[in-house]
N, C-alpha and C. Protein backbone atom coordinates (compact mmCIF):
# COMPACT_ATOMS: atom_id res chain seq x y z
N MET A 1 82.08 84.31 98.33
CA MET A 1 83.06 83.42 97.71
C MET A 1 83.66 84.11 96.50
N HIS A 2 84.98 83.91 96.29
CA HIS A 2 85.67 84.40 95.14
C HIS A 2 86.11 83.20 94.29
N ARG A 3 86.25 83.45 93.02
CA ARG A 3 86.72 82.39 92.10
C ARG A 3 88.11 82.78 91.56
N PHE A 4 89.00 81.78 91.56
CA PHE A 4 90.38 82.01 91.11
C PHE A 4 90.75 80.95 90.06
N ALA A 5 91.58 81.33 89.11
CA ALA A 5 92.20 80.45 88.18
C ALA A 5 93.68 80.41 88.47
N SER A 6 94.27 79.28 88.72
CA SER A 6 95.68 79.15 88.96
C SER A 6 96.32 78.28 87.88
N ILE A 7 97.53 78.60 87.52
CA ILE A 7 98.20 77.91 86.44
C ILE A 7 99.49 77.32 86.97
N LEU A 8 99.70 76.04 86.67
CA LEU A 8 100.97 75.36 86.97
C LEU A 8 101.58 74.90 85.62
N LEU A 9 102.69 75.55 85.29
CA LEU A 9 103.44 75.07 84.08
C LEU A 9 104.61 74.25 84.57
N VAL A 10 104.84 73.14 83.85
CA VAL A 10 105.97 72.24 84.17
C VAL A 10 106.93 72.29 83.01
N ASP A 11 108.19 72.64 83.31
CA ASP A 11 109.17 72.79 82.20
C ASP A 11 109.82 71.43 81.89
N THR A 12 110.78 71.44 80.94
CA THR A 12 111.36 70.21 80.46
C THR A 12 112.20 69.49 81.51
N ARG A 13 112.52 70.17 82.61
CA ARG A 13 113.28 69.51 83.72
C ARG A 13 112.30 68.94 84.77
N GLY A 14 111.00 69.34 84.66
CA GLY A 14 110.04 68.93 85.71
C GLY A 14 109.89 70.02 86.75
N TRP A 15 110.54 71.20 86.52
CA TRP A 15 110.40 72.26 87.44
C TRP A 15 109.09 73.01 87.27
N ILE A 16 108.62 73.67 88.34
CA ILE A 16 107.27 74.28 88.40
C ILE A 16 107.42 75.81 88.35
N LEU A 17 106.55 76.44 87.54
CA LEU A 17 106.54 77.90 87.46
C LEU A 17 105.84 78.45 88.72
N LEU A 18 106.57 79.31 89.46
CA LEU A 18 106.04 79.95 90.63
C LEU A 18 106.33 81.47 90.57
N GLN A 19 105.46 82.22 91.21
CA GLN A 19 105.56 83.66 91.27
C GLN A 19 105.86 84.09 92.68
N GLU A 20 106.90 84.95 92.83
CA GLU A 20 107.14 85.57 94.12
C GLU A 20 106.33 86.85 94.13
N ARG A 21 105.36 86.89 95.03
CA ARG A 21 104.46 88.05 95.15
C ARG A 21 105.22 89.18 95.85
N ASP A 22 104.82 90.41 95.55
CA ASP A 22 105.44 91.55 96.23
C ASP A 22 104.59 91.92 97.43
N GLU A 23 104.78 93.11 97.96
CA GLU A 23 104.08 93.54 99.18
C GLU A 23 102.68 94.05 98.95
N HIS A 24 102.23 94.16 97.72
CA HIS A 24 100.97 94.81 97.39
C HIS A 24 99.70 93.95 97.46
N PRO A 25 99.72 92.67 97.19
CA PRO A 25 98.46 91.88 97.17
C PRO A 25 97.79 91.83 98.54
N VAL A 26 96.47 91.76 98.53
CA VAL A 26 95.69 91.62 99.74
C VAL A 26 95.91 90.19 100.28
N ILE A 27 95.96 89.23 99.41
CA ILE A 27 96.16 87.86 99.79
C ILE A 27 97.63 87.47 99.73
N ASP A 28 98.17 87.00 100.86
CA ASP A 28 99.54 86.40 100.90
C ASP A 28 100.61 87.30 100.27
N PRO A 29 100.78 88.52 100.70
CA PRO A 29 101.88 89.30 100.20
C PRO A 29 103.21 88.69 100.55
N GLU A 30 104.18 88.87 99.68
CA GLU A 30 105.60 88.41 99.91
C GLU A 30 105.69 86.94 100.13
N CYS A 31 104.83 86.20 99.43
CA CYS A 31 104.91 84.74 99.45
C CYS A 31 105.02 84.23 98.02
N TRP A 32 105.35 82.97 97.89
CA TRP A 32 105.47 82.29 96.55
C TRP A 32 104.18 81.54 96.28
N GLY A 33 103.69 81.70 95.06
CA GLY A 33 102.47 80.99 94.71
C GLY A 33 102.37 80.81 93.20
N PHE A 34 101.16 80.52 92.79
CA PHE A 34 100.97 80.22 91.36
C PHE A 34 100.64 81.45 90.57
N VAL A 35 100.98 81.44 89.32
CA VAL A 35 100.49 82.46 88.38
C VAL A 35 98.96 82.30 88.32
N GLY A 36 98.23 83.39 88.20
CA GLY A 36 96.80 83.33 88.11
C GLY A 36 96.18 84.42 88.91
N GLY A 37 94.85 84.36 89.07
CA GLY A 37 94.18 85.37 89.83
C GLY A 37 92.67 85.28 89.75
N HIS A 38 92.05 86.37 90.12
CA HIS A 38 90.59 86.43 90.18
C HIS A 38 89.95 86.21 88.80
N VAL A 39 88.84 85.52 88.83
CA VAL A 39 88.01 85.33 87.64
C VAL A 39 87.01 86.49 87.62
N ASP A 40 86.96 87.20 86.52
CA ASP A 40 86.05 88.32 86.41
C ASP A 40 84.60 87.81 86.39
N GLU A 41 83.68 88.71 86.80
CA GLU A 41 82.28 88.34 86.78
C GLU A 41 81.87 88.05 85.33
N ASP A 42 81.14 86.99 85.12
CA ASP A 42 80.66 86.56 83.81
C ASP A 42 81.80 86.05 82.93
N GLU A 43 82.97 85.71 83.48
CA GLU A 43 84.09 85.18 82.72
C GLU A 43 84.21 83.69 83.02
N ALA A 44 84.44 82.90 82.03
CA ALA A 44 84.70 81.48 82.24
C ALA A 44 86.06 81.31 82.97
N VAL A 45 86.11 80.35 83.86
CA VAL A 45 87.37 80.18 84.61
C VAL A 45 88.54 79.82 83.68
N VAL A 46 88.31 78.99 82.67
CA VAL A 46 89.37 78.66 81.76
C VAL A 46 89.85 79.91 80.98
N ASP A 47 88.92 80.81 80.60
CA ASP A 47 89.31 82.04 79.95
C ASP A 47 90.20 82.90 80.84
N ALA A 48 89.81 82.92 82.14
CA ALA A 48 90.63 83.68 83.10
C ALA A 48 92.06 83.08 83.22
N ALA A 49 92.16 81.79 83.13
CA ALA A 49 93.45 81.15 83.22
C ALA A 49 94.38 81.59 82.12
N TYR A 50 93.85 81.55 80.92
CA TYR A 50 94.69 81.99 79.73
C TYR A 50 95.00 83.49 79.84
N ARG A 51 94.03 84.32 80.28
CA ARG A 51 94.20 85.76 80.39
C ARG A 51 95.26 86.03 81.46
N GLU A 52 95.13 85.42 82.63
CA GLU A 52 96.04 85.68 83.72
C GLU A 52 97.47 85.26 83.38
N LEU A 53 97.59 84.08 82.70
CA LEU A 53 98.94 83.66 82.32
C LEU A 53 99.59 84.66 81.37
N ALA A 54 98.86 85.15 80.42
CA ALA A 54 99.41 86.11 79.47
C ALA A 54 99.74 87.44 80.15
N GLU A 55 98.85 87.92 81.05
CA GLU A 55 99.07 89.19 81.72
C GLU A 55 100.28 89.14 82.66
N GLU A 56 100.40 88.03 83.33
CA GLU A 56 101.45 87.97 84.38
C GLU A 56 102.80 87.48 83.83
N THR A 57 102.84 86.74 82.73
CA THR A 57 104.12 86.17 82.28
C THR A 57 104.43 86.52 80.84
N GLY A 58 103.47 86.98 80.04
CA GLY A 58 103.68 87.24 78.62
C GLY A 58 103.54 85.96 77.80
N ILE A 59 103.35 84.82 78.45
CA ILE A 59 103.22 83.54 77.76
C ILE A 59 101.77 83.40 77.27
N GLN A 60 101.62 83.19 75.97
CA GLN A 60 100.28 83.01 75.40
C GLN A 60 100.23 81.58 74.83
N LEU A 61 99.48 80.76 75.49
CA LEU A 61 99.29 79.35 75.03
C LEU A 61 98.13 79.30 74.11
N GLN A 62 98.10 78.23 73.29
CA GLN A 62 96.97 77.95 72.43
C GLN A 62 95.83 77.36 73.23
N ARG A 63 94.62 77.66 72.82
CA ARG A 63 93.42 77.02 73.42
C ARG A 63 93.61 75.53 73.38
N GLY A 64 93.32 74.90 74.52
CA GLY A 64 93.45 73.45 74.60
C GLY A 64 94.77 73.01 75.23
N ASP A 65 95.73 73.95 75.39
CA ASP A 65 97.02 73.61 75.99
C ASP A 65 96.87 73.43 77.49
N LEU A 66 96.05 74.26 78.16
CA LEU A 66 95.86 74.15 79.57
C LEU A 66 94.79 73.07 79.87
N HIS A 67 95.09 72.24 80.87
CA HIS A 67 94.19 71.15 81.23
C HIS A 67 93.75 71.36 82.71
N LEU A 68 92.46 71.34 82.96
CA LEU A 68 91.99 71.40 84.30
C LEU A 68 92.47 70.18 85.09
N TRP A 69 93.18 70.37 86.17
CA TRP A 69 93.69 69.29 87.00
C TRP A 69 92.76 69.05 88.17
N GLN A 70 92.53 70.08 88.98
CA GLN A 70 91.71 69.92 90.20
C GLN A 70 91.02 71.23 90.50
N GLN A 71 89.98 71.10 91.36
CA GLN A 71 89.33 72.28 91.92
C GLN A 71 89.47 72.16 93.44
N TYR A 72 89.83 73.28 94.07
CA TYR A 72 89.98 73.28 95.55
C TYR A 72 89.10 74.35 96.15
N SER A 73 88.82 74.18 97.43
CA SER A 73 88.26 75.22 98.23
C SER A 73 89.39 75.70 99.18
N VAL A 74 89.74 76.98 99.05
CA VAL A 74 90.87 77.54 99.87
C VAL A 74 90.30 78.67 100.70
N PHE A 75 90.57 78.64 102.04
CA PHE A 75 90.15 79.70 102.90
C PHE A 75 91.20 80.80 102.82
N HIS A 76 90.72 82.01 102.45
CA HIS A 76 91.62 83.19 102.40
C HIS A 76 91.25 84.09 103.56
N GLU A 77 92.13 84.12 104.53
CA GLU A 77 91.91 84.91 105.75
C GLU A 77 91.66 86.38 105.45
N ALA A 78 92.33 86.93 104.45
CA ALA A 78 92.17 88.32 104.13
C ALA A 78 90.74 88.65 103.74
N TYR A 79 90.03 87.68 103.12
CA TYR A 79 88.66 87.89 102.73
C TYR A 79 87.67 87.27 103.75
N GLY A 80 88.17 86.30 104.48
CA GLY A 80 87.28 85.57 105.45
C GLY A 80 86.32 84.65 104.67
N THR A 81 86.77 84.15 103.50
CA THR A 81 85.89 83.36 102.70
C THR A 81 86.60 82.06 102.23
N ASP A 82 85.82 81.04 102.03
CA ASP A 82 86.28 79.83 101.35
C ASP A 82 86.08 80.07 99.87
N ASP A 83 87.18 80.07 99.14
CA ASP A 83 87.12 80.47 97.72
C ASP A 83 87.40 79.30 96.79
N GLU A 84 86.84 79.33 95.62
CA GLU A 84 87.03 78.27 94.62
C GLU A 84 88.32 78.59 93.84
N VAL A 85 89.21 77.62 93.80
CA VAL A 85 90.45 77.74 93.03
C VAL A 85 90.54 76.54 92.08
N ARG A 86 90.49 76.86 90.80
CA ARG A 86 90.65 75.82 89.76
C ARG A 86 92.08 75.89 89.28
N VAL A 87 92.71 74.72 89.24
CA VAL A 87 94.13 74.63 88.88
C VAL A 87 94.24 74.04 87.45
N TYR A 88 94.88 74.78 86.58
CA TYR A 88 95.12 74.36 85.19
C TYR A 88 96.63 74.08 85.04
N VAL A 89 96.92 73.02 84.28
CA VAL A 89 98.30 72.57 84.13
C VAL A 89 98.65 72.40 82.68
N ALA A 90 99.91 72.65 82.39
CA ALA A 90 100.44 72.39 81.03
C ALA A 90 101.96 72.14 81.13
N ARG A 91 102.43 71.29 80.22
CA ARG A 91 103.86 71.14 80.01
C ARG A 91 104.31 72.28 79.09
N THR A 92 105.52 72.75 79.28
CA THR A 92 106.02 73.81 78.46
C THR A 92 107.51 73.69 78.17
N THR A 93 107.90 74.24 77.05
CA THR A 93 109.32 74.37 76.72
C THR A 93 109.86 75.75 77.08
N ALA A 94 109.03 76.59 77.68
CA ALA A 94 109.45 77.93 78.09
C ALA A 94 110.50 77.83 79.15
N THR A 95 111.33 78.83 79.22
CA THR A 95 112.34 78.98 80.26
C THR A 95 112.15 80.32 80.97
N ASP A 96 112.94 80.54 81.99
CA ASP A 96 112.87 81.81 82.72
C ASP A 96 113.06 82.99 81.80
N ASP A 97 113.90 82.83 80.74
CA ASP A 97 114.17 83.93 79.82
C ASP A 97 112.95 84.27 78.96
N ASP A 98 111.99 83.36 78.85
CA ASP A 98 110.79 83.65 78.03
C ASP A 98 109.70 84.42 78.84
N ILE A 99 109.91 84.63 80.11
CA ILE A 99 108.89 85.21 80.97
C ILE A 99 109.12 86.72 81.06
N THR A 100 108.06 87.47 80.87
CA THR A 100 108.00 88.88 81.15
C THR A 100 107.17 89.07 82.38
N VAL A 101 107.76 89.54 83.48
CA VAL A 101 107.08 89.64 84.73
C VAL A 101 106.09 90.82 84.67
N GLY A 102 104.80 90.50 84.72
CA GLY A 102 103.77 91.52 84.68
C GLY A 102 103.17 91.80 86.06
N GLU A 103 103.55 90.98 87.03
CA GLU A 103 103.03 91.17 88.38
C GLU A 103 103.94 90.42 89.33
N GLY A 104 104.22 91.01 90.50
CA GLY A 104 105.02 90.38 91.48
C GLY A 104 106.51 90.72 91.33
N ARG A 105 107.32 90.13 92.19
CA ARG A 105 108.77 90.40 92.15
C ARG A 105 109.46 89.58 91.05
N GLN A 106 109.10 88.31 91.00
CA GLN A 106 109.71 87.48 89.97
C GLN A 106 108.82 86.27 89.70
N ILE A 107 108.96 85.74 88.49
CA ILE A 107 108.24 84.51 88.11
C ILE A 107 109.31 83.63 87.46
N VAL A 108 109.57 82.50 88.08
CA VAL A 108 110.63 81.60 87.67
C VAL A 108 110.22 80.15 87.83
N PHE A 109 110.91 79.27 87.13
CA PHE A 109 110.73 77.84 87.32
C PHE A 109 111.57 77.43 88.54
N VAL A 110 110.92 76.68 89.44
CA VAL A 110 111.56 76.29 90.70
C VAL A 110 111.64 74.76 90.78
N ASP A 111 112.82 74.34 91.20
CA ASP A 111 113.05 72.89 91.44
C ASP A 111 112.02 72.45 92.49
N PRO A 112 111.21 71.41 92.15
CA PRO A 112 110.17 70.97 93.09
C PRO A 112 110.73 70.51 94.45
N SER A 113 111.96 70.05 94.47
CA SER A 113 112.58 69.63 95.75
C SER A 113 112.86 70.83 96.64
N ARG A 114 112.87 72.01 96.06
CA ARG A 114 113.15 73.27 96.81
C ARG A 114 111.89 74.04 97.14
N ALA A 115 110.79 73.78 96.44
CA ALA A 115 109.59 74.57 96.57
C ALA A 115 109.06 74.60 98.00
N HIS A 116 109.13 73.46 98.68
CA HIS A 116 108.59 73.43 100.05
C HIS A 116 109.36 74.30 101.05
N THR A 117 110.54 74.73 100.67
CA THR A 117 111.36 75.61 101.55
C THR A 117 110.99 77.06 101.41
N LEU A 118 110.18 77.40 100.43
CA LEU A 118 109.79 78.79 100.17
C LEU A 118 108.58 79.14 101.07
N PRO A 119 108.40 80.41 101.38
CA PRO A 119 107.18 80.83 102.06
C PRO A 119 106.03 80.84 101.04
N LEU A 120 105.21 79.82 101.09
CA LEU A 120 104.18 79.62 100.09
C LEU A 120 102.87 80.33 100.48
N THR A 121 102.09 80.69 99.45
CA THR A 121 100.78 81.25 99.68
C THR A 121 99.91 80.16 100.27
N THR A 122 98.81 80.55 100.83
CA THR A 122 97.85 79.60 101.42
C THR A 122 97.45 78.54 100.40
N ALA A 123 97.09 79.01 99.20
CA ALA A 123 96.65 78.06 98.15
C ALA A 123 97.79 77.14 97.73
N ALA A 124 98.99 77.70 97.52
CA ALA A 124 100.11 76.89 97.04
C ALA A 124 100.51 75.85 98.11
N ALA A 125 100.48 76.24 99.38
CA ALA A 125 100.83 75.30 100.47
C ALA A 125 99.85 74.11 100.49
N GLN A 126 98.63 74.37 100.13
CA GLN A 126 97.57 73.34 100.14
C GLN A 126 97.68 72.47 98.83
N ILE A 127 97.88 73.14 97.70
CA ILE A 127 97.76 72.47 96.43
C ILE A 127 99.06 71.86 95.91
N LEU A 128 100.17 72.52 96.09
CA LEU A 128 101.45 72.06 95.47
C LEU A 128 101.85 70.66 95.90
N PRO A 129 101.78 70.32 97.18
CA PRO A 129 102.13 68.93 97.55
C PRO A 129 101.26 67.89 96.87
N ASP A 130 99.95 68.19 96.77
CA ASP A 130 99.06 67.24 96.10
C ASP A 130 99.48 67.07 94.63
N PHE A 131 99.80 68.19 93.98
CA PHE A 131 100.16 68.14 92.59
C PHE A 131 101.45 67.34 92.41
N LEU A 132 102.47 67.63 93.19
CA LEU A 132 103.80 66.98 93.05
C LEU A 132 103.70 65.50 93.35
N ASN A 133 102.72 65.07 94.12
CA ASN A 133 102.57 63.65 94.44
C ASN A 133 101.54 62.96 93.55
N SER A 134 101.04 63.70 92.53
CA SER A 134 99.97 63.13 91.70
C SER A 134 100.55 62.37 90.49
N PRO A 135 99.78 61.41 90.01
CA PRO A 135 100.17 60.72 88.77
C PRO A 135 100.17 61.73 87.59
N PHE A 136 99.36 62.76 87.65
CA PHE A 136 99.27 63.75 86.56
C PHE A 136 100.67 64.44 86.42
N TYR A 137 101.28 64.84 87.56
CA TYR A 137 102.60 65.44 87.51
C TYR A 137 103.62 64.45 86.96
N GLN A 138 103.54 63.18 87.38
CA GLN A 138 104.51 62.18 86.97
C GLN A 138 104.43 62.01 85.44
N GLU A 139 103.26 62.14 84.88
CA GLU A 139 103.08 62.03 83.40
C GLU A 139 103.71 63.18 82.64
N LEU A 140 103.86 64.32 83.33
CA LEU A 140 104.42 65.49 82.68
C LEU A 140 105.97 65.56 82.78
N LEU A 141 106.55 64.68 83.55
CA LEU A 141 108.00 64.67 83.70
C LEU A 141 108.65 64.16 82.44
N PRO A 142 109.87 64.66 82.22
CA PRO A 142 110.61 64.25 80.97
C PRO A 142 110.95 62.79 81.04
């Protein structure tokens, strides 16, 4: 089993931060998914969430800004394992212009009504509909 930290940022329009992966990842290349990644051995998952967000987007949030929303078990065919994915969420005033892409093709805020039309990663396909239909997401809307 692998452990992953995924981050969902919601902007002032209610749009969701998504990453278009390039052809290099072992898991779900050339799909759209969440910012985040593997949790290092002996690393707290929440620490990995802040680290991955900063590495992949250049956005550095203050401790306490990310809130654990849910934990999922996601089967990754590339590994043949059911992996633990913890999803952290925050509201943000950041825009696409504030993002420095550290991994993938692009990282942008996506209109949630359009997200389902994108080729989503296995994790995003499982998690994103739950999030968009959750009371937690509704509370983050402007």
